[in-house]
Structure formats: C-alpha cells, structure tokens
Protein backbone atom coordinates (compact mmCIF):
# COMPACT_ATOMS: atom_id res chain seq x y z
CA MET A 1 20.14 7.83 10.23
CA ASN A 2 22.72 10.14 11.83
CA ASN A 3 23.30 10.39 15.58
CA GLU A 4 21.33 13.61 15.97
CA LYS A 5 18.23 12.10 14.37
CA LYS A 6 18.61 8.97 16.51
CA LYS A 7 18.77 11.05 19.68
CA LYS A 8 15.67 12.99 18.66
CA LEU A 9 13.78 9.77 17.93
CA PHE A 10 14.81 8.26 21.28
CA ARG A 11 13.62 11.42 23.07
CA ILE A 12 10.24 11.19 21.37
CA ILE A 13 9.93 7.51 22.27
CA LYS A 14 10.98 8.24 25.86
CA ILE A 15 8.39 11.02 26.21
CA PHE A 16 5.72 8.77 24.72
CA ILE A 17 6.52 5.93 27.16
CA ILE A 18 6.49 8.33 30.12
CA PHE A 19 3.14 9.71 28.97
CA ILE A 20 1.63 6.21 28.65
CA LEU A 21 2.94 5.17 32.06
CA ALA A 22 1.62 8.37 33.69
CA PHE A 23 -1.75 7.84 32.01
CA LEU A 24 -2.01 4.23 33.22
CA ILE A 25 -0.96 5.10 36.78
CA TYR A 26 -3.53 7.89 37.02
CA ALA A 27 -6.25 5.87 35.25
CA HIS A 28 -5.79 2.99 37.69
CA TYR A 29 -5.82 5.42 40.63
CA GLU A 30 -9.07 6.96 39.40
CA TYR A 31 -10.63 3.52 38.94
CA THR A 32 -9.92 2.53 42.52
CA ASN A 33 -11.19 5.78 44.08
CA ILE A 34 -14.96 5.51 44.19
CA ILE A 35 -16.78 8.67 45.17
CA VAL A 36 -20.03 9.00 47.10
CA LYS A 37 -22.32 11.51 45.44
CA ARG A 38 -25.28 12.90 47.40
CA ILE A 39 -28.34 14.28 45.65
CA VAL A 40 -31.49 15.68 47.24
CA ILE A 41 -34.75 14.92 45.44
CA GLU A 42 -37.44 17.46 46.29
CA SER A 43 -41.09 16.80 45.55
CA LYS A 44 -44.52 17.59 46.93
CA ASP A 45 -45.45 13.99 46.10
CA ILE A 46 -43.06 12.57 48.72
CA PRO A 47 -45.10 11.44 51.76
CA GLN A 48 -44.10 12.76 55.16
CA GLU A 49 -42.97 9.29 56.28
CA PHE A 50 -40.37 9.33 53.49
CA ASN A 51 -39.03 12.79 54.18
CA GLY A 52 -35.30 12.33 54.81
CA ARG A 53 -35.21 8.71 53.65
CA LYS A 54 -32.02 7.72 51.82
CA ILE A 55 -31.89 5.60 48.69
CA LEU A 56 -28.52 4.20 47.63
CA PHE A 57 -28.13 3.57 43.89
CA LEU A 58 -25.28 1.90 42.03
CA ALA A 59 -24.82 0.11 38.73
CA ASP A 60 -22.32 -1.50 36.37
CA PHE A 61 -20.15 -3.52 38.75
CA GLN A 62 -18.34 -5.48 35.99
CA VAL A 63 -15.12 -6.07 37.91
CA ASP A 64 -14.10 -8.80 35.48
CA THR A 65 -12.37 -9.16 32.12
CA ILE A 66 -11.86 -12.29 30.02
CA GLY A 67 -8.92 -13.46 32.12
CA ARG A 68 -9.19 -11.51 35.38
CA TYR A 69 -11.49 -10.84 38.32
CA ASN A 70 -10.86 -7.72 40.41
CA LYS A 71 -11.58 -8.91 43.94
CA ASN A 72 -10.01 -5.78 45.44
CA GLN A 73 -12.34 -3.42 43.57
CA MET A 74 -15.32 -5.50 44.61
CA ASN A 75 -14.15 -5.28 48.22
CA ARG A 76 -13.92 -1.49 47.90
CA ILE A 77 -17.45 -1.28 46.53
CA ILE A 78 -18.92 -3.46 49.27
CA LYS A 79 -17.03 -1.70 52.05
CA LEU A 80 -18.12 1.72 50.82
CA VAL A 81 -21.77 0.72 50.41
CA ASN A 82 -21.85 -0.97 53.81
CA SER A 83 -20.50 2.17 55.48
CA GLN A 84 -23.26 4.44 54.13
CA GLU A 85 -26.47 5.36 55.91
CA LYS A 86 -29.34 4.19 53.70
CA ASP A 87 -32.86 2.80 53.89
CA ILE A 88 -32.87 0.81 50.66
CA ILE A 89 -30.45 -0.20 47.89
CA LEU A 90 -31.23 -0.04 44.17
CA LEU A 91 -29.05 -1.89 41.66
CA GLY A 92 -29.08 -0.71 38.06
CA GLY A 93 -27.87 -3.79 36.16
CA ASP A 94 -24.69 -5.17 34.54
CA TYR A 95 -23.16 -7.22 37.34
CA THR A 96 -20.51 -9.16 35.40
CA ASN A 97 -19.08 -9.13 31.88
CA TRP A 98 -18.37 -12.82 31.54
CA THR A 99 -20.43 -15.87 32.47
CA GLY A 100 -17.44 -17.60 34.03
CA LYS A 101 -17.13 -14.85 36.66
CA ILE A 102 -20.78 -14.87 37.80
CA GLU A 103 -20.28 -17.28 40.72
CA ARG A 104 -17.30 -15.34 42.10
CA PHE A 105 -19.21 -12.08 41.87
CA TYR A 106 -22.26 -13.30 43.79
CA ASN A 107 -20.13 -15.08 46.37
CA GLN A 108 -18.56 -11.72 47.17
CA LEU A 109 -21.87 -9.89 46.97
CA GLU A 110 -23.04 -11.94 49.95
CA GLU A 111 -20.90 -9.57 52.06
CA LEU A 112 -23.18 -6.65 51.12
CA LYS A 113 -25.35 -5.80 54.11
CA LYS A 114 -29.01 -5.48 53.25
CA PRO A 115 -30.61 -2.34 54.70
CA LYS A 116 -33.93 -2.44 56.55
CA TYR A 117 -36.06 -2.12 53.41
CA GLY A 118 -34.06 -4.46 51.20
CA VAL A 119 -32.35 -4.52 47.81
CA TYR A 120 -34.16 -4.03 44.49
CA SER A 121 -32.54 -4.63 41.14
CA ILE A 122 -32.96 -4.75 37.38
CA LEU A 123 -31.15 -6.53 34.57
CA GLY A 124 -28.61 -4.98 32.22
CA ASN A 125 -27.50 -6.19 28.81
CA HIS A 126 -24.56 -8.21 30.18
CA ASP A 127 -26.83 -10.02 32.62
CA TYR A 128 -28.44 -11.78 29.67
CA ASN A 129 -25.20 -13.74 29.20
CA ASP A 130 -26.79 -16.18 31.65
CA ILE A 131 -30.08 -14.76 32.84
CA SER A 132 -31.11 -17.96 34.65
CA LEU A 133 -27.95 -18.00 36.77
CA ASN A 134 -28.28 -14.31 37.61
CA MET A 135 -31.92 -14.74 38.62
CA PHE A 136 -30.98 -17.77 40.73
CA HIS A 137 -28.46 -15.74 42.70
CA PHE A 138 -30.81 -12.78 43.16
CA LYS A 139 -33.33 -15.13 44.70
CA LYS A 140 -30.67 -16.78 46.85
CA LEU A 141 -29.53 -13.40 48.19
CA GLY A 142 -33.10 -12.26 48.82
CA TYR A 143 -32.93 -9.42 46.29
CA GLU A 144 -36.09 -8.42 44.45
CA LEU A 145 -35.71 -8.34 40.67
CA LEU A 146 -38.01 -5.87 38.91
CA ILE A 147 -38.76 -6.82 35.30
CA ASN A 148 -41.50 -4.50 34.01
CA GLU A 149 -43.03 -4.29 37.47
CA ASN A 150 -42.97 -2.13 40.58
CA TYR A 151 -42.62 -2.37 44.31
CA LYS A 152 -44.90 -0.39 46.60
CA TRP A 153 -42.68 0.70 49.48
CA THR A 154 -44.94 1.41 52.44
CA ILE A 155 -44.13 2.90 55.84
CA ASN A 156 -46.95 3.57 58.29
CA ASN A 157 -49.61 3.47 55.56
CA GLN A 158 -47.72 5.95 53.34
CA SER A 159 -46.11 4.74 50.13
CA ILE A 160 -43.79 5.48 47.24
CA TYR A 161 -42.96 3.24 44.28
CA ILE A 162 -39.80 1.67 42.88
CA ALA A 163 -40.36 0.49 39.31
CA GLY A 164 -38.03 -1.33 36.94
CA VAL A 165 -37.99 -2.17 33.25
CA ASP A 166 -36.33 -4.99 31.35
CA ASP A 167 -33.09 -4.40 29.44
CA PHE A 168 -33.42 -2.31 26.28
CA TRP A 169 -31.06 -4.41 24.12
CA HIS A 170 -31.82 -7.99 25.08
CA GLY A 171 -35.09 -7.85 26.99
CA ASP A 172 -38.55 -6.46 26.36
CA PRO A 173 -38.82 -3.20 28.32
CA ASN A 174 -42.34 -1.97 28.99
CA ALA A 175 -42.57 1.18 31.08
CA THR A 176 -46.37 1.21 30.96
CA LYS A 177 -46.45 -2.22 32.57
CA ALA A 178 -43.69 -1.31 35.04
CA LEU A 179 -45.61 1.79 36.16
CA SER A 180 -48.99 0.06 36.30
CA GLY A 181 -51.10 1.15 39.26
CA ILE A 182 -49.09 4.34 39.83
CA LYS A 183 -50.87 7.68 39.67
CA LYS A 184 -49.37 11.07 38.79
CA GLU A 185 -49.73 12.24 42.38
CA ASP A 186 -47.66 9.27 43.61
CA PHE A 187 -43.89 9.47 43.97
CA ALA A 188 -42.07 6.91 41.82
CA LEU A 189 -38.53 6.12 40.72
CA LEU A 190 -37.97 4.10 37.56
CA LEU A 191 -34.93 1.86 37.17
CA ASN A 192 -33.89 1.60 33.51
CA HIS A 193 -30.43 0.25 32.71
CA ASN A 194 -29.92 1.76 29.25
CA PRO A 195 -30.74 5.49 29.08
CA ASP A 196 -31.50 5.25 25.35
CA TYR A 197 -34.83 3.68 26.31
CA PHE A 198 -35.82 7.04 27.80
CA GLU A 199 -36.12 8.28 24.19
CA TYR A 200 -38.83 5.71 23.50
CA MET A 201 -40.91 6.32 26.61
CA SER A 202 -44.18 8.18 26.13
CA GLU A 203 -44.92 11.49 27.80
CA ASN A 204 -47.44 9.75 30.03
CA GLU A 205 -44.88 7.18 31.16
CA LYS A 206 -42.38 9.94 31.94
CA GLU A 207 -45.06 11.83 33.86
CA LEU A 208 -45.62 8.83 36.13
CA ALA A 209 -41.93 8.53 37.01
CA ASP A 210 -40.57 11.41 39.10
CA MET A 211 -37.07 10.37 38.06
CA THR A 212 -35.52 7.65 35.91
CA LEU A 213 -32.27 6.06 37.12
CA SER A 214 -29.90 4.59 34.53
CA GLY A 215 -26.35 3.34 34.04
CA HIS A 216 -24.78 1.41 31.14
CA VAL A 217 -22.56 4.24 29.83
CA HIS A 218 -19.86 4.18 32.58
CA GLY A 219 -19.45 7.92 32.09
CA GLY A 220 -17.45 7.00 28.99
CA GLN A 221 -14.97 4.87 31.06
CA VAL A 222 -11.96 6.42 29.30
CA THR A 223 -12.82 9.93 28.11
CA PHE A 224 -10.94 12.84 26.58
CA PHE A 225 -10.65 14.84 29.78
CA GLY A 226 -14.35 14.43 30.54
CA HIS A 227 -15.64 14.52 26.97
CA ILE A 228 -17.20 11.17 26.08
CA VAL A 229 -15.63 9.91 22.87
CA THR A 230 -17.26 6.50 22.58
CA ALA A 231 -20.25 5.08 24.43
CA PRO A 232 -22.57 2.09 23.95
CA ILE A 233 -25.59 4.32 23.35
CA LYS A 234 -27.04 6.19 20.41
CA HIS A 235 -27.59 9.48 22.23
CA LYS A 236 -24.28 9.93 24.07
CA LYS A 237 -24.54 13.74 24.19
CA LYS A 238 -27.96 13.58 25.82
CA TYR A 239 -27.39 10.64 28.15
CA GLY A 240 -23.66 10.41 28.76
CA TYR A 241 -23.52 11.12 32.47
CA GLY A 242 -25.23 12.90 35.36
CA MET A 243 -28.56 14.59 35.97
CA LYS A 244 -30.48 15.50 32.84
CA GLU A 245 -33.88 17.08 32.39
CA TYR A 246 -35.85 17.12 29.16
CA ASN A 247 -39.32 18.66 28.93
CA GLY A 248 -39.56 18.61 32.70
CA HIS A 249 -38.67 14.91 32.96
CA LYS A 250 -35.55 13.97 34.93
CA ILE A 251 -33.11 11.14 34.35
CA TYR A 252 -29.89 10.43 36.24
CA ILE A 253 -27.19 8.40 34.48
CA THR A 254 -24.56 7.05 36.87
CA SER A 255 -20.97 6.39 35.82
CA GLY A 256 -21.11 3.04 37.64
CA VAL A 257 -18.59 1.48 39.98
CA GLY A 258 -16.48 -0.81 37.80
CA GLY A 259 -16.00 -1.70 34.17
CA SER A 260 -12.80 -2.00 32.19
CA ALA A 261 -11.11 -0.76 29.02
CA PHE A 262 -8.63 -2.63 26.82
CA GLU A 263 -8.76 -5.51 29.33
CA MET A 264 -7.49 -3.15 32.04
CA PHE A 265 -9.19 -1.82 35.15
CA ILE A 266 -8.85 1.86 34.33
CA ARG A 267 -10.92 5.02 34.06
CA PHE A 268 -9.99 8.46 32.80
CA PHE A 269 -12.06 11.47 33.85
CA ALA A 270 -15.00 9.16 34.49
CA ARG A 271 -14.88 8.63 38.24
CA PRO A 272 -16.71 5.57 39.60
CA GLU A 273 -19.50 6.46 42.00
CA ILE A 274 -22.31 5.39 44.22
CA ILE A 275 -25.26 7.73 44.60
CA ILE A 276 -27.27 8.50 47.71
CA PHE A 277 -30.58 10.16 46.96
CA GLU A 278 -32.17 11.87 49.96
CA LEU A 279 -35.90 12.45 49.67
CA LYS A 280 -37.24 15.82 50.74
CA LYS A 281 -40.90 16.74 50.91
CA ILE A 282 -41.71 20.29 49.86
C-alpha cells in the first residue's frame, strides 16, 4: 500500500472514530435529559370533581445492565417526578432488567414522594424475572399493583377508574376482567405494558377504556433519526411511540425513562419522558 492510500485510509478511520464519539456523546446527553410532556385529556365522562386533576405516568425505568446500575439516572427520574404537580402516579411496568439489581432499584424508589391519591402500577415482561420480589417491594412501598383489576378513584362521591392488565408476554392479560364493573359512561384509563395487546382487545373492551397507556417500546431506544428500526413488538409502525387513535380508540405509548442499548445508557432520537395527563371535562 503506497503512502497516498495509507493517508486516505487513516482519514476514513479518523472520520469514523469522530463520528462514533460524537454519536455516543450526544446519545448519552439525550439519555440523561428527561422531558416532561403534558397532555390534556378531554371527555364529557370526566366528573366535575376530576376536572383539572393531574395524572403522572411513567414506565420502563430499567436503569441497569448486566454489570452496571445507573444511580444518577434514577436520581434524575425521582427528582423530576417529585418536582411535578400531580394527584396520582401511574407506573407502566419494567422496573429493572436484571434480578440482581431489584433491591437497589427499590431502595432508591423509596425516595419517590407519593402524591395524595397514591401510586398504582402494573407488571412488565422484565418484572417476571422475579415476580415475587417485585410484588414484595410494591407492598412494602404501599403501591397498589393492578393485575387484571381496577381501582375506583373517588373524590366527593364522584369517581373515575384506573384499570390494569397483566403482562402480554409472561402473564395472562384479561381486559374484560380488568374493566369489570365499568360502564361506557364512566371515565377509565387502562394500563397495559405491551401495546401489542391492544390488537387483541375487543371493541367492547376498547369502548370501556377512554385511553390505554402503554410502554415497553422505549420509542425505539436508538432510532434512525426518529424512525424506529427495531422494537420488541410485532406492530412497531402502529405502536412505536406517542398518541395513536384507531377506530376512535386512543392509546398512548410512552418512550419510558431509562433502558439501555449495547450495554450502554444511551438513546438516539428517542427522548426519555414522563407524562402528565390533565383531565378536562367538556
């Protein structure tokens, strides 16, 4: 190889290394910068007592890899959640990736301040790594775990419902059971970790839930400038990220607050987020 060819090769290698370094720096920056997204839910079914109430929703913490635990990211999540005005917190599943990190996660989660009306949660696929230990910590923290059941949230004799189904991959999700006792004129939110399950819900089940809240996809975690390349769902084009509506039925898929890729705490055009839904009676 002559000198000219060597110089050209070195330039290509240098550009490639600079590109990789720039990518990693930005991807780590994006990972650490959690946004707060505010969405107004309008419905005639919202009782007057719930007009203006704020529901904070987040999912997919997963601040751990095989060999690491990201205490700093967990601190960011807790600090941001604690600083928000909210009436209730909903957790959409997938709290850790690895069983060995469960204790550290819940020890930190104790710093999360419970709002007046509590914390309600569901299980994700990763939570089945040790379901007994996860359920033990939920109970210890005073969080309500919804597995094919619902909570009737009542204020001054007016109510709405928070329902939750089991995990689609490892559990036995049953939306009919989760929405039992709820009428079409009631206002209800359905927690469902994996948005693919939405495909298998009946029209009647979807009618009973004013909106389904999901996670699992991480917004693609590392995307091609916002286009999801790979995702752990069958219907990634339909349920990749954000607010979707099919046949009049709404589902919101959050990008989550943590996750990892290639054993690194990075994201690329898949910003981590917490969501605050404000209820508005119309």
